[in-house]
Structures are given as structure tokens and as C-alpha cells.
Amino acid sequence: MAKNLMIQGTMSNAGKSILTAGILRVLYQDGYRVAPFKSQNMALNSYITRDGLEMGRAQVMQAEAAGIEPDIRMNPILLKPNSDMGSQVIVNGEVLGNREAKEYFRMKKSLIPSIMKAYGELDKSFDVIVIEGAGSPAEINLKDNDIVNMGLARMVDAPVLLVGDIDRGGVFAQLLGTIWLLEEEERARVKGLVINKFRGDKTILDPGLKQLYDKCRIPITGVIPYTKLDIDDEDSLSERLDRRQIGKGIDAAVIRFPHISNFTDFGMLEGCEGVSVRYVNTAEELGKPDILFLPGSKNTMSDLLWIRQNGLEAGIQKAALEGCRIFGICGGYQMLGQRLLDPDGCEHGGELAGLGLLPITTTFGKRKHRTRVEGRVEPIEGIYQGMSGVSAEGYEIHMGETCLLETCGRFASVTDCVTGKQYPDGCVKGNVCGTYIHGILDAPGLLKGLLNPVFLEKGMPPGTYRDLAGYRQEQYDILADVIRAHMDMDAVRRIIGLK
């Protein structure tokens, strides 16, 4: 049986995901077989495993840090918000359906067998499981049906580290208030406190740390400095989505839809020297980018209406007419077409006109298409010619099927890695290109084919393109160095029960 440790936070974005990854990396470096676990994740950034199942990106990132293949058992429940009051509920990688918040709240306990089965299978295969909580364990209105914080800690008998975010202020009140709101049995599970995102001289913090210990008698296990790392973030909390400034070199703009999903598609692009990536909310911010990306969306029709109402639709169409490269991925690809049909009310219902930039139409249905794919970009003429013949691989995750309305160049020919089926993907017409493949920009060859012609047009030398997999491993090692330097890992090992 595996030993375990649970990381809980005083609030969302306290740093639970990164701290979990850091501890996993340290233990992995020390020779332990380790795995992440989060019973319920709410995220629009998701991932498709090799067997075609859907899970949250945070646990994918943590699995990479642990040196193992992402597995759906690491995140048995995924909630993908599709409105202010509801989410698509995914259990064991399969869509259960859409549920309003009250309905899901009532059904949560019925999902405990799925959670425990997933955890139990990991328990047999690893030395240590590091569990991530969600939100705060002191959300007392949710405690009766808790399956992700102290409720889960009780079910799997896990000790807890509680993390507070000093960068957002009030960290002593965060930690102490959370402890005081816990039940006695829950407080007994908290074996250490961690202060995250600290800036400055730690000696100035020491008197407060002593008072905190005097009031709750729980030791401080670590004070983690504010550290800039290029590691996948959680959804709308990501700081990268706030980038607005136009930088030097290639200006790459990404439309920031209200339901933007899988913005991790642009991580490789953001790391390219000479490329400036910014996220656009309004027509005024759009400007004249060199490349304009329409990313994925959890609610394509709703986000299409949003760009129509705020003027971005006209700005995108104008940019296309002026020759700007327009590149749509998944939901963004669907929006570029002529029509979007939703006869079963899976998204918005009814019919909407698309942006009219590609000769395609998309019909939404109840079946979600999700798989990993690999293949090659088709021969393309014109400004996208540089991508011809390069590797095209990644994963598809979308509602709706898209068909061509006229003869038009396909983007790629791919093979479904789960079923072995071969089929064409995407569409290219002039300066407008669309694909269903998430992660398509992670391939250095494809990014080179897309960007080098733009560098040439701007009179700049060709860009340099890093090995993304190797780069990520370097970032996890840097994270582990930070954890070793600023956490009492001997204390953490004792808490876990390791020698």
C-alpha cells in the first residue's frame, strides 16, 4: 500500500498544484515511485490520455513531474464549466452529462465509489501518492458533501499540509482562520503549514511565524519564495492570460474567449525568442497582429456571440481581409466557418452564422470526440507552405462534427491513435487555417514552418525552437531545487511516514 500526503490551500490559486508537483519531483528524484491524485478538478484545460480518456491538465503536469504517464485514475472527476451555474461532468474520463450546480451538489456523494476505486488502484502501484485538494477546506457551506478536501483526507487517511498565499495578503489570517474553522478531527490532520509566494527577507517574517505557531501549535514546514517557472497553470487564474502589451518581433494575438480552453496550446509559442504573445479581450486591443489565433472554447456558440457583440468579430474579419494570418484551433476553427448548428441544444441551441472565413459547417451532437492523433500536414500552397509535410500530432477533444461545403485544402491527414482510423483534419483557405488538433504548436517543425516566413517578412533572423519535453523536465528540476531549499523535506518525509 502507498503512503500519502495531501496538499490543501486556504483559497484557490494558493499554489497547491505547483507545490504538489514540486514534492512529487523531489520524491521522484529520491527514487520513490510517486503519483498525483485529485478526486475532483474544475478546469477548462483538459487532456486526452493515450486510451482516449479526458482528465485535467494539472494532474498531467504533476504526472510529468513524477516521471510517469498521465492516467485517468489521477483525476476521476473533472468539471468543465459551461455557464455561470453549470458544468459538464466527466467521470473516469467519460462525459456523464451537463449538471447545474445544485444538481451536482446533491449527487456528489454518489461519485465516492468512483473516487475510491481510482485511488485504490493507484494505491497498489506506487510508494507515495501526493493528493491535491481544491479551493479551501474551510468552505463550511460545502463541508457536508466534501469529496475533495478534508472529506477525502478522511476517506484515505491522509496527513495534510496547508498552504497560504502571502502574495495576496493576509496570510496569517488565511492560515489561522482556516485552522479555527476546521473540526477537531480535521485540525489533527494538519501536520504542517506552508507560506507560498514570499518576496523579501524571511527574517522579517519570523516573528509572525512564531506567533502563528503559538496560536495553533502547527509547525511551519516551508516558506516558498515567489518563483517564476514556466509550468502549466490552472485555467482563468493563469497570469499569462493578462498579457496585453505588444512586444518586439512577431506580434501573436490570441482571442481570450470567456470560455477559453486549453490555452496551454500556446506555451511553446510563448517560449519562442522573437515572438510576443498577448491575449485580447476587446476590438480596441486587437490592433494589427502578424498572426491571430482563435483558441479552443468550452462553449463555442456562446463565445461566438460574445465576439459578435463586443466588436471582435468585425475586427477578425477585417484582419483576414488585410492578409493577417488567422489560425483557429478546435472551437476557434469551428467559429471560422459558415454555420454552426445545434439541433439537440447541446450548447446554445438553434443555428448561428460563423465568421465566414472558411467553407465549413459544424453540427453539434451529444457525442464528444476525444482521441490522440498523429499524422502530417498536407501540401499547402501560399503563406502556410512552410508547414507542408511536417509532423502533426496532439489530441482532439470537441463536440460537433465539421464538413466542407466546397473543395478546399485540408490541413492534415491524421491517424486516430486509439482506433487506428485515418481521416483528414482541418481546412486551409488563403491566409485562414483551422484544425481540431490541440498541442499542434508543440511540434518545433510545425512552429518553424509557421513562423519563419513571418520572421523573413519582418526582416528578422529565423527563430530558435526548443525541445518542449526536455524544457518541461528542466522546469520541474528547477522547481524541485526550490522545494529542497525552502521546505523542510525531512519533516515532510516524517509526515508521510518515509524513512
Protein backbone atom coordinates (compact mmCIF):
# COMPACT_ATOMS: atom_id res chain seq x y z
CA MET A 1 0.00 0.00 0.00
CA ALA A 2 1.14 3.53 -0.79
CA LYS A 3 1.79 6.18 1.80
CA ASN A 4 0.19 9.55 1.14
CA LEU A 5 0.23 13.28 1.73
CA MET A 6 -2.48 15.84 0.94
CA ILE A 7 -1.84 19.45 -0.07
CA GLN A 8 -4.72 21.77 0.81
CA GLY A 9 -4.92 25.54 0.40
CA THR A 10 -6.52 28.46 2.14
CA MET A 11 -8.03 29.53 -1.21
CA SER A 12 -7.93 28.84 -4.91
CA ASN A 13 -4.58 29.71 -6.52
CA ALA A 14 -2.66 29.43 -3.25
CA GLY A 15 -0.20 27.25 -5.14
CA LYS A 16 -1.45 23.73 -4.40
CA SER A 17 -0.89 22.38 -7.92
CA ILE A 18 2.71 23.60 -8.18
CA LEU A 19 3.61 22.59 -4.62
CA THR A 20 2.17 19.11 -5.27
CA ALA A 21 4.29 18.87 -8.43
CA GLY A 22 7.38 20.05 -6.56
CA ILE A 23 7.07 17.47 -3.78
CA LEU A 24 6.40 14.75 -6.36
CA ARG A 25 9.54 15.76 -8.25
CA VAL A 26 11.71 15.69 -5.14
CA LEU A 27 10.46 12.23 -4.14
CA TYR A 28 10.85 11.00 -7.72
CA GLN A 29 14.44 12.24 -7.75
CA ASP A 30 14.95 10.40 -4.45
CA GLY A 31 13.94 7.14 -6.10
CA TYR A 32 10.34 6.70 -4.96
CA ARG A 33 7.52 5.62 -7.26
CA VAL A 34 5.13 8.55 -6.88
CA ALA A 35 1.80 9.63 -8.37
CA PRO A 36 -0.54 12.62 -8.12
CA PHE A 37 -4.23 12.41 -7.28
CA LYS A 38 -7.08 14.92 -7.27
CA SER A 39 -10.55 13.50 -6.78
CA GLN A 40 -12.37 16.44 -8.39
CA ASN A 41 -10.91 19.11 -10.62
CA MET A 42 -12.74 22.11 -12.09
CA ALA A 43 -10.88 23.22 -15.18
CA LEU A 44 -11.27 24.12 -18.84
CA ASN A 45 -7.73 22.97 -19.59
CA SER A 46 -8.05 19.25 -20.19
CA TYR A 47 -6.02 16.49 -21.81
CA ILE A 48 -6.65 13.23 -23.63
CA THR A 49 -4.76 10.17 -22.42
CA ARG A 50 -3.35 7.51 -24.73
CA ASP A 51 -6.50 5.44 -24.25
CA GLY A 52 -8.75 8.35 -25.29
CA LEU A 53 -9.98 9.48 -21.86
CA GLU A 54 -10.22 13.06 -20.59
CA MET A 55 -8.55 14.48 -17.47
CA GLY A 56 -7.45 17.82 -16.02
CA ARG A 57 -4.16 19.36 -17.17
CA ALA A 58 -2.95 19.98 -13.61
CA GLN A 59 -2.65 16.26 -12.94
CA VAL A 60 -0.99 15.78 -16.34
CA MET A 61 1.63 18.33 -15.32
CA GLN A 62 2.07 16.60 -11.94
CA ALA A 63 2.42 13.21 -13.63
CA GLU A 64 5.17 14.63 -15.85
CA ALA A 65 6.92 15.94 -12.72
CA ALA A 66 6.60 12.44 -11.19
CA GLY A 67 8.15 10.87 -14.29
CA ILE A 68 5.08 8.81 -15.25
CA GLU A 69 2.45 8.67 -17.98
CA PRO A 70 -0.76 10.64 -17.21
CA ASP A 71 -3.53 8.28 -16.13
CA ILE A 72 -7.24 8.96 -15.76
CA ARG A 73 -7.14 7.43 -12.26
CA MET A 74 -5.20 10.51 -11.14
CA ASN A 75 -8.29 12.70 -11.73
CA PRO A 76 -11.51 10.62 -11.67
CA ILE A 77 -13.87 13.63 -11.71
CA LEU A 78 -13.44 16.65 -13.99
CA LEU A 79 -15.90 19.55 -14.07
CA LYS A 80 -15.77 21.79 -17.15
CA PRO A 81 -17.84 24.96 -16.53
CA ASN A 82 -20.10 25.81 -19.47
CA SER A 83 -22.11 28.56 -17.76
CA ASP A 84 -22.13 30.55 -14.53
CA MET A 85 -24.41 27.94 -12.98
CA GLY A 86 -23.41 24.63 -14.51
CA SER A 87 -20.68 22.33 -15.80
CA GLN A 88 -20.10 19.33 -17.97
CA VAL A 89 -19.40 16.45 -15.58
CA ILE A 90 -16.74 13.94 -16.65
CA VAL A 91 -16.30 10.76 -14.60
CA ASN A 92 -13.42 8.36 -15.23
CA GLY A 93 -12.66 10.22 -18.45
CA GLU A 94 -16.17 9.85 -19.92
CA VAL A 95 -18.87 12.52 -20.19
CA LEU A 96 -21.66 11.93 -17.67
CA GLY A 97 -23.62 14.98 -18.85
CA ASN A 98 -24.29 18.62 -18.03
CA ARG A 99 -25.36 19.41 -14.47
CA GLU A 100 -26.50 22.60 -12.77
CA ALA A 101 -24.56 23.45 -9.59
CA LYS A 102 -27.36 22.42 -7.21
CA GLU A 103 -27.92 19.15 -9.04
CA TYR A 104 -24.25 18.28 -8.94
CA PHE A 105 -24.02 19.21 -5.25
CA ARG A 106 -26.79 16.71 -4.49
CA MET A 107 -25.16 13.90 -6.48
CA LYS A 108 -21.54 14.31 -5.32
CA LYS A 109 -21.62 11.55 -2.72
CA SER A 110 -22.77 9.05 -5.33
CA LEU A 111 -19.38 9.53 -7.01
CA ILE A 112 -17.39 8.39 -3.97
CA PRO A 113 -17.14 4.76 -5.25
CA SER A 114 -15.53 6.03 -8.47
CA ILE A 115 -13.09 8.14 -6.47
CA MET A 116 -12.13 5.34 -4.13
CA LYS A 117 -11.76 2.81 -6.95
CA ALA A 118 -9.35 5.13 -8.80
CA TYR A 119 -7.39 5.85 -5.63
CA GLY A 120 -7.32 2.20 -4.67
CA GLU A 121 -5.78 1.18 -7.98
CA LEU A 122 -3.05 3.82 -7.63
CA ASP A 123 -2.53 2.67 -4.05
CA LYS A 124 -1.42 -0.75 -5.31
CA SER A 125 1.11 0.59 -7.81
CA PHE A 126 3.04 3.40 -6.11
CA ASP A 127 5.10 4.12 -3.00
CA VAL A 128 3.63 7.57 -2.36
CA ILE A 129 0.51 9.38 -3.58
CA VAL A 130 0.52 13.18 -3.24
CA ILE A 131 -3.07 14.43 -3.24
CA GLU A 132 -4.19 17.91 -4.22
CA GLY A 133 -7.25 19.48 -2.62
CA ALA A 134 -9.48 22.13 -4.21
CA GLY A 135 -10.40 25.62 -3.05
CA SER A 136 -10.36 25.68 0.75
CA PRO A 137 -11.24 23.06 3.41
CA ALA A 138 -12.90 25.86 5.39
CA GLU A 139 -15.77 26.34 2.94
CA ILE A 140 -18.16 25.34 5.70
CA ASN A 141 -21.25 25.55 3.47
CA LEU A 142 -19.82 22.70 1.35
CA LYS A 143 -18.44 20.52 4.13
CA ASP A 144 -21.31 18.03 4.40
CA ASN A 145 -20.76 16.77 0.85
CA ASP A 146 -16.99 17.29 0.65
CA ILE A 147 -15.20 14.78 -1.57
CA VAL A 148 -12.06 16.74 -2.37
CA ASN A 149 -10.62 18.28 0.82
CA MET A 150 -10.99 17.00 4.40
CA GLY A 151 -13.72 14.60 3.33
CA LEU A 152 -11.25 12.87 1.02
CA ALA A 153 -8.41 13.12 3.57
CA ARG A 154 -10.64 11.18 5.98
CA MET A 155 -11.53 8.55 3.38
CA VAL A 156 -7.89 7.80 2.51
CA ASP A 157 -6.45 8.67 5.95
CA ALA A 158 -4.07 11.34 4.65
CA PRO A 159 -1.97 13.84 6.63
CA VAL A 160 -2.31 17.40 5.36
CA LEU A 161 -0.05 20.35 4.57
CA LEU A 162 -1.99 23.63 4.48
CA VAL A 163 -0.73 26.29 2.04
CA GLY A 164 -1.36 30.04 2.26
CA ASP A 165 -0.60 32.69 -0.37
CA ILE A 166 1.29 35.63 1.15
CA ASP A 167 1.43 37.48 -2.19
CA ARG A 168 -2.32 38.15 -1.98
CA GLY A 169 -2.06 39.44 1.59
CA GLY A 170 -3.39 38.35 4.96
CA VAL A 171 -1.56 35.02 5.02
CA PHE A 172 -1.63 34.68 8.82
CA ALA A 173 -5.37 35.26 8.86
CA GLN A 174 -5.75 32.82 5.96
CA LEU A 175 -3.93 30.03 7.76
CA LEU A 176 -5.20 30.63 11.28
CA GLY A 177 -8.78 31.30 10.17
CA THR A 178 -8.79 28.09 8.15
CA ILE A 179 -7.46 26.08 11.10
CA TRP A 180 -10.02 27.55 13.51
CA LEU A 181 -12.91 26.72 11.15
CA LEU A 182 -11.93 23.06 10.95
CA GLU A 183 -13.41 20.38 13.17
CA GLU A 184 -11.12 18.93 15.86
CA GLU A 185 -10.51 15.72 13.90
CA GLU A 186 -9.73 17.78 10.78
CA ARG A 187 -7.29 20.04 12.63
CA ALA A 188 -5.46 16.97 13.86
CA ARG A 189 -4.77 16.00 10.24
CA VAL A 190 -2.91 19.27 9.52
CA LYS A 191 0.73 18.43 10.21
CA GLY A 192 2.39 21.47 8.70
CA LEU A 193 1.81 24.97 7.32
CA VAL A 194 3.40 26.37 4.16
CA ILE A 195 3.63 30.04 3.21
CA ASN A 196 3.85 30.41 -0.54
CA LYS A 197 4.96 33.19 -2.95
CA PHE A 198 7.05 35.09 -0.37
CA ARG A 199 9.09 38.10 -1.53
CA GLY A 200 11.80 39.68 0.58
CA ASP A 201 13.88 38.89 3.67
CA LYS A 202 12.48 35.91 5.58
CA THR A 203 13.87 37.17 8.90
CA ILE A 204 11.24 39.93 8.78
CA LEU A 205 8.60 37.19 8.66
CA ASP A 206 9.99 35.17 11.59
CA PRO A 207 8.13 36.97 14.44
CA GLY A 208 4.84 36.33 12.68
CA LEU A 209 5.73 32.69 12.17
CA LYS A 210 6.39 32.30 15.90
CA GLN A 211 3.05 33.89 16.80
CA LEU A 212 1.27 31.70 14.28
CA TYR A 213 2.79 28.59 15.84
CA ASP A 214 1.94 29.79 19.34
CA LYS A 215 -1.71 30.19 18.37
CA CYS A 216 -2.22 26.89 16.52
CA ARG A 217 0.72 24.67 17.58
CA ILE A 218 1.25 23.50 13.99
CA PRO A 219 4.83 23.82 12.69
CA ILE A 220 5.82 25.86 9.66
CA THR A 221 7.09 23.34 7.12
CA GLY A 222 8.19 25.81 4.48
CA VAL A 223 8.32 29.40 3.25
CA ILE A 224 8.46 29.21 -0.54
CA PRO A 225 9.76 32.27 -2.41
CA TYR A 226 7.91 33.78 -5.33
CA THR A 227 9.47 31.90 -8.24
CA LYS A 228 8.93 32.39 -11.95
CA LEU A 229 8.50 28.98 -13.54
CA ASP A 230 7.16 28.08 -16.97
CA ILE A 231 4.79 25.33 -15.82
CA ASP A 232 1.17 24.80 -16.92
CA ASP A 233 -1.27 26.88 -14.88
CA GLU A 234 -4.91 26.38 -13.97
CA ASP A 235 -7.43 27.99 -16.32
CA SER A 236 -8.56 31.59 -15.73
CA LEU A 237 -6.19 32.01 -12.76
CA SER A 238 -3.21 31.98 -15.09
CA GLU A 239 -1.25 35.22 -15.15
CA ARG A 240 -0.33 34.68 -18.79
CA LEU A 241 -3.91 35.47 -19.83
CA ASP A 242 -3.41 39.03 -18.59
CA ARG A 243 -0.68 39.80 -21.12
CA ARG A 244 -1.87 42.72 -23.23
CA GLN A 245 1.24 44.63 -24.35
CA ILE A 246 2.52 44.37 -27.90
CA GLY A 247 6.19 43.39 -27.76
CA LYS A 248 9.00 43.38 -30.29
CA GLY A 249 9.27 40.90 -33.11
CA ILE A 250 6.29 38.82 -34.23
CA ASP A 251 3.04 40.05 -32.70
CA ALA A 252 0.89 36.99 -31.98
CA ALA A 253 -2.57 37.78 -30.61
CA VAL A 254 -4.87 35.19 -29.02
CA ILE A 255 -8.58 35.91 -28.56
CA ARG A 256 -9.38 35.44 -24.88
CA PHE A 257 -12.85 33.92 -25.02
CA PRO A 258 -14.90 33.86 -21.80
CA HIS A 259 -14.83 30.04 -22.04
CA ILE A 260 -11.29 29.74 -23.39
CA SER A 261 -10.00 26.20 -23.07
CA ASN A 262 -6.58 24.61 -23.47
CA PHE A 263 -4.64 27.86 -23.66
CA THR A 264 -1.69 25.55 -22.97
CA ASP A 265 -1.70 25.19 -26.77
CA PHE A 266 0.32 28.43 -26.85
CA GLY A 267 3.01 27.52 -24.31
CA MET A 268 5.57 26.59 -26.96
CA LEU A 269 4.76 29.74 -28.92
CA GLU A 270 5.30 31.89 -25.83
CA GLY A 271 8.76 30.41 -25.42
CA CYS A 272 9.93 31.35 -28.93
CA GLU A 273 12.55 34.08 -28.99
CA GLY A 274 11.36 36.99 -31.09
CA VAL A 275 7.65 36.21 -30.60
CA SER A 276 5.38 38.27 -28.38
CA VAL A 277 2.12 36.56 -27.33
CA ARG A 278 -0.75 38.62 -25.96
CA TYR A 279 -4.38 37.86 -25.08
CA VAL A 280 -7.13 40.07 -26.50
CA ASN A 281 -10.49 40.88 -24.89
CA THR A 282 -11.77 43.77 -27.00
CA ALA A 283 -11.72 45.12 -30.54
CA GLU A 284 -9.64 48.07 -29.33
CA GLU A 285 -6.91 45.71 -28.09
CA LEU A 286 -6.76 43.74 -31.34
CA GLY A 287 -4.57 46.14 -33.32
CA LYS A 288 -2.76 44.67 -36.33
CA PRO A 289 -1.15 41.39 -35.25
CA ASP A 290 1.09 39.35 -37.52
CA ILE A 291 -0.76 36.18 -36.53
CA LEU A 292 -4.18 35.96 -34.90
CA PHE A 293 -5.16 32.78 -33.05
CA LEU A 294 -8.69 31.70 -32.19
CA PRO A 295 -8.24 29.13 -29.41
CA GLY A 296 -10.47 26.36 -28.11
CA SER A 297 -13.70 27.11 -26.28
CA LYS A 298 -15.87 25.08 -23.92
CA ASN A 299 -18.94 26.84 -25.32
CA THR A 300 -18.24 27.72 -28.93
CA MET A 301 -21.61 29.24 -29.80
CA SER A 302 -21.75 31.38 -26.66
CA ASP A 303 -18.23 32.68 -27.27
CA LEU A 304 -19.08 33.35 -30.92
CA LEU A 305 -21.96 35.55 -29.76
CA TRP A 306 -19.56 37.27 -27.35
CA ILE A 307 -17.11 38.31 -30.11
CA ARG A 308 -20.09 39.36 -32.24
CA GLN A 309 -21.46 41.62 -29.52
CA ASN A 310 -18.20 43.25 -28.46
CA GLY A 311 -16.94 44.06 -31.97
CA LEU A 312 -14.14 41.50 -32.15
CA GLU A 313 -15.90 39.61 -34.95
CA ALA A 314 -15.64 42.61 -37.28
CA GLY A 315 -12.02 43.11 -36.23
CA ILE A 316 -11.15 39.49 -37.02
CA GLN A 317 -12.85 39.67 -40.42
CA LYS A 318 -11.07 42.94 -41.22
CA ALA A 319 -7.71 41.43 -40.23
CA ALA A 320 -8.39 38.47 -42.53
CA LEU A 321 -9.18 40.79 -45.46
CA GLU A 322 -5.93 42.67 -44.83
CA GLY A 323 -3.92 39.45 -45.09
CA CYS A 324 -3.26 38.70 -41.43
CA ARG A 325 -2.62 35.01 -40.76
CA ILE A 326 -5.69 33.64 -38.96
CA PHE A 327 -5.25 30.29 -37.20
CA GLY A 328 -8.13 28.56 -35.41
CA ILE A 329 -7.85 25.58 -33.08
CA CYS A 330 -10.85 23.40 -32.16
CA GLY A 331 -13.67 25.79 -31.15
CA GLY A 332 -11.82 28.62 -32.88
CA TYR A 333 -11.73 26.50 -36.04
CA GLN A 334 -15.48 25.92 -35.81
CA MET A 335 -16.15 29.67 -35.47
CA LEU A 336 -14.22 30.40 -38.67
CA GLY A 337 -16.81 28.52 -40.74
CA GLN A 338 -20.09 29.49 -42.39
CA ARG A 339 -22.60 27.99 -39.95
CA LEU A 340 -22.84 26.31 -36.55
CA LEU A 341 -25.87 24.07 -36.00
CA ASP A 342 -27.05 22.78 -32.63
CA PRO A 343 -30.29 20.84 -33.24
CA ASP A 344 -30.17 18.98 -29.89
CA GLY A 345 -29.38 22.01 -27.71
CA CYS A 346 -26.01 20.63 -26.66
CA GLU A 347 -24.51 24.12 -26.43
CA HIS A 348 -26.68 27.11 -27.29
CA GLY A 349 -29.37 25.55 -29.45
CA GLY A 350 -30.53 26.61 -32.91
CA GLU A 351 -28.23 27.94 -35.59
CA LEU A 352 -25.61 30.69 -35.79
CA ALA A 353 -23.72 32.17 -38.71
CA GLY A 354 -19.98 31.75 -38.34
CA LEU A 355 -17.24 34.22 -39.20
CA GLY A 356 -17.48 33.13 -42.85
CA LEU A 357 -13.73 32.76 -43.37
CA LEU A 358 -13.62 29.02 -44.10
CA PRO A 359 -16.03 26.96 -46.25
CA ILE A 360 -17.11 24.63 -43.44
CA THR A 361 -20.19 23.98 -41.35
CA THR A 362 -20.28 22.36 -37.90
CA THR A 363 -23.15 20.39 -36.38
CA PHE A 364 -23.09 19.77 -32.64
CA GLY A 365 -24.24 16.44 -31.23
CA LYS A 366 -24.25 14.68 -27.90
CA ARG A 367 -21.16 12.58 -28.64
CA LYS A 368 -17.82 14.07 -27.64
CA HIS A 369 -14.94 13.27 -29.98
CA ARG A 370 -11.78 12.70 -27.98
CA THR A 371 -8.62 10.94 -29.03
CA ARG A 372 -4.93 11.35 -29.66
CA VAL A 373 -3.82 11.72 -33.28
CA GLU A 374 -0.64 11.69 -35.30
CA GLY A 375 0.00 12.42 -38.95
CA ARG A 376 1.36 15.05 -41.31
CA VAL A 377 0.34 18.41 -42.68
CA GLU A 378 -0.93 18.19 -46.26
CA PRO A 379 0.91 20.01 -49.10
CA ILE A 380 -0.18 23.65 -48.77
CA GLU A 381 0.34 26.50 -51.19
CA GLY A 382 0.67 30.15 -50.23
CA ILE A 383 1.67 31.67 -46.91
CA TYR A 384 1.33 28.41 -44.98
CA GLN A 385 3.53 26.47 -47.41
CA GLY A 386 6.31 26.18 -44.85
CA MET A 387 4.20 23.79 -42.77
CA SER A 388 3.70 21.32 -45.63
CA GLY A 389 4.70 17.78 -44.79
CA VAL A 390 5.69 18.42 -41.16
CA SER A 391 4.53 16.28 -38.27
CA ALA A 392 1.02 16.99 -36.97
CA GLU A 393 0.27 15.38 -33.63
CA GLY A 394 -1.68 16.11 -30.49
CA TYR A 395 -5.17 15.38 -29.25
CA GLU A 396 -8.74 16.14 -30.24
CA ILE A 397 -11.46 16.96 -27.75
CA HIS A 398 -14.62 18.52 -29.14
CA MET A 399 -18.35 18.35 -29.51
CA GLY A 400 -19.55 18.69 -33.09
CA GLU A 401 -18.56 17.34 -36.49
CA THR A 402 -17.31 19.62 -39.27
CA CYS A 403 -17.76 19.12 -43.03
CA LEU A 404 -16.50 21.03 -46.07
CA LEU A 405 -19.01 22.99 -48.16
CA GLU A 406 -16.73 23.22 -51.21
CA THR A 407 -13.41 21.96 -52.47
CA CYS A 408 -10.78 23.32 -50.17
CA GLY A 409 -7.32 22.39 -48.97
CA ARG A 410 -7.21 20.15 -45.93
CA PHE A 411 -4.80 20.99 -43.15
CA ALA A 412 -3.54 17.50 -42.27
CA SER A 413 -4.04 13.75 -42.67
CA VAL A 414 -4.05 12.02 -39.29
CA THR A 415 -4.47 8.61 -37.70
CA ASP A 416 -6.57 8.06 -34.57
CA CYS A 417 -4.12 6.56 -32.08
CA VAL A 418 -6.93 4.74 -30.24
CA THR A 419 -8.86 3.19 -33.17
CA GLY A 420 -6.28 3.32 -35.98
CA LYS A 421 -8.76 5.11 -38.25
CA GLN A 422 -7.28 7.54 -40.79
CA TYR A 423 -9.06 10.77 -41.75
CA PRO A 424 -8.44 14.36 -42.91
CA ASP A 425 -8.31 17.23 -40.42
CA GLY A 426 -8.93 20.93 -40.71
CA CYS A 427 -9.09 23.33 -43.58
CA VAL A 428 -6.89 25.97 -45.23
CA LYS A 429 -8.06 28.81 -47.46
CA GLY A 430 -5.59 31.57 -48.28
CA ASN A 431 -4.45 33.19 -45.06
CA VAL A 432 -7.03 31.38 -42.88
CA CYS A 433 -6.27 27.99 -41.37
CA GLY A 434 -8.13 25.77 -38.90
CA THR A 435 -7.51 22.45 -37.15
CA TYR A 436 -9.03 20.32 -34.42
CA ILE A 437 -5.63 19.27 -33.05
CA HIS A 438 -4.74 20.60 -29.60
CA GLY A 439 -0.99 20.71 -28.98
CA ILE A 440 -0.34 21.18 -32.69
CA LEU A 441 2.02 24.10 -31.95
CA ASP A 442 4.17 21.98 -29.62
CA ALA A 443 5.99 20.43 -32.60
CA PRO A 444 9.12 22.51 -33.40
CA GLY A 445 8.88 21.63 -37.11
CA LEU A 446 5.36 22.95 -37.45
CA LEU A 447 6.09 26.09 -35.46
CA LYS A 448 9.16 26.72 -37.59
CA GLY A 449 7.09 26.34 -40.77
CA LEU A 450 4.50 28.78 -39.42
CA LEU A 451 6.81 31.44 -38.01
CA ASN A 452 9.95 31.54 -40.17
CA PRO A 453 8.13 33.10 -43.16
CA VAL A 454 6.85 35.81 -40.81
CA PHE A 455 10.37 36.45 -39.49
CA LEU A 456 11.53 36.73 -43.11
CA GLU A 457 8.74 39.22 -43.96
CA LYS A 458 9.75 41.36 -40.98
CA GLY A 459 13.45 41.26 -41.89
CA MET A 460 14.35 39.27 -38.79
CA PRO A 461 16.59 36.19 -38.47
CA PRO A 462 14.76 32.85 -38.13
CA GLY A 463 13.61 31.91 -34.65
CA THR A 464 15.01 29.21 -32.38
CA TYR A 465 12.66 26.43 -31.31
CA ARG A 466 13.20 24.49 -28.12
CA ASP A 467 12.50 20.84 -27.32
CA LEU A 468 9.33 21.22 -25.26
CA ALA A 469 9.52 17.88 -23.46
CA GLY A 470 13.12 18.47 -22.39
CA TYR A 471 12.35 22.05 -21.40
CA ARG A 472 9.49 20.95 -19.16
CA GLN A 473 11.72 18.45 -17.38
CA GLU A 474 14.24 21.24 -16.75
CA GLN A 475 11.46 23.37 -15.22
CA TYR A 476 10.43 20.52 -12.89
CA ASP A 477 14.04 20.14 -11.77
CA ILE A 478 14.24 23.86 -11.01
CA LEU A 479 11.01 23.54 -9.02
CA ALA A 480 12.47 20.62 -7.07
CA ASP A 481 15.56 22.71 -6.25
CA VAL A 482 13.30 25.45 -4.84
CA ILE A 483 11.36 22.94 -2.75
CA ARG A 484 14.53 21.35 -1.37
CA ALA A 485 15.95 24.77 -0.46
CA HIS A 486 12.87 26.22 1.20
CA MET A 487 10.86 23.31 2.62
CA ASP A 488 11.82 21.04 5.49
CA MET A 489 11.77 17.86 3.41
CA ASP A 490 12.92 15.77 6.39
CA ALA A 491 9.76 16.89 8.17
CA VAL A 492 7.68 16.17 5.06
CA ARG A 493 9.12 12.65 4.86
CA ARG A 494 8.29 12.06 8.54
CA ILE A 495 4.74 13.31 7.96
CA ILE A 496 4.37 10.90 5.03
CA GLY A 497 5.91 8.08 7.05
CA LEU A 498 9.03 7.60 4.94
CA LYS A 499 12.38 6.66 6.43
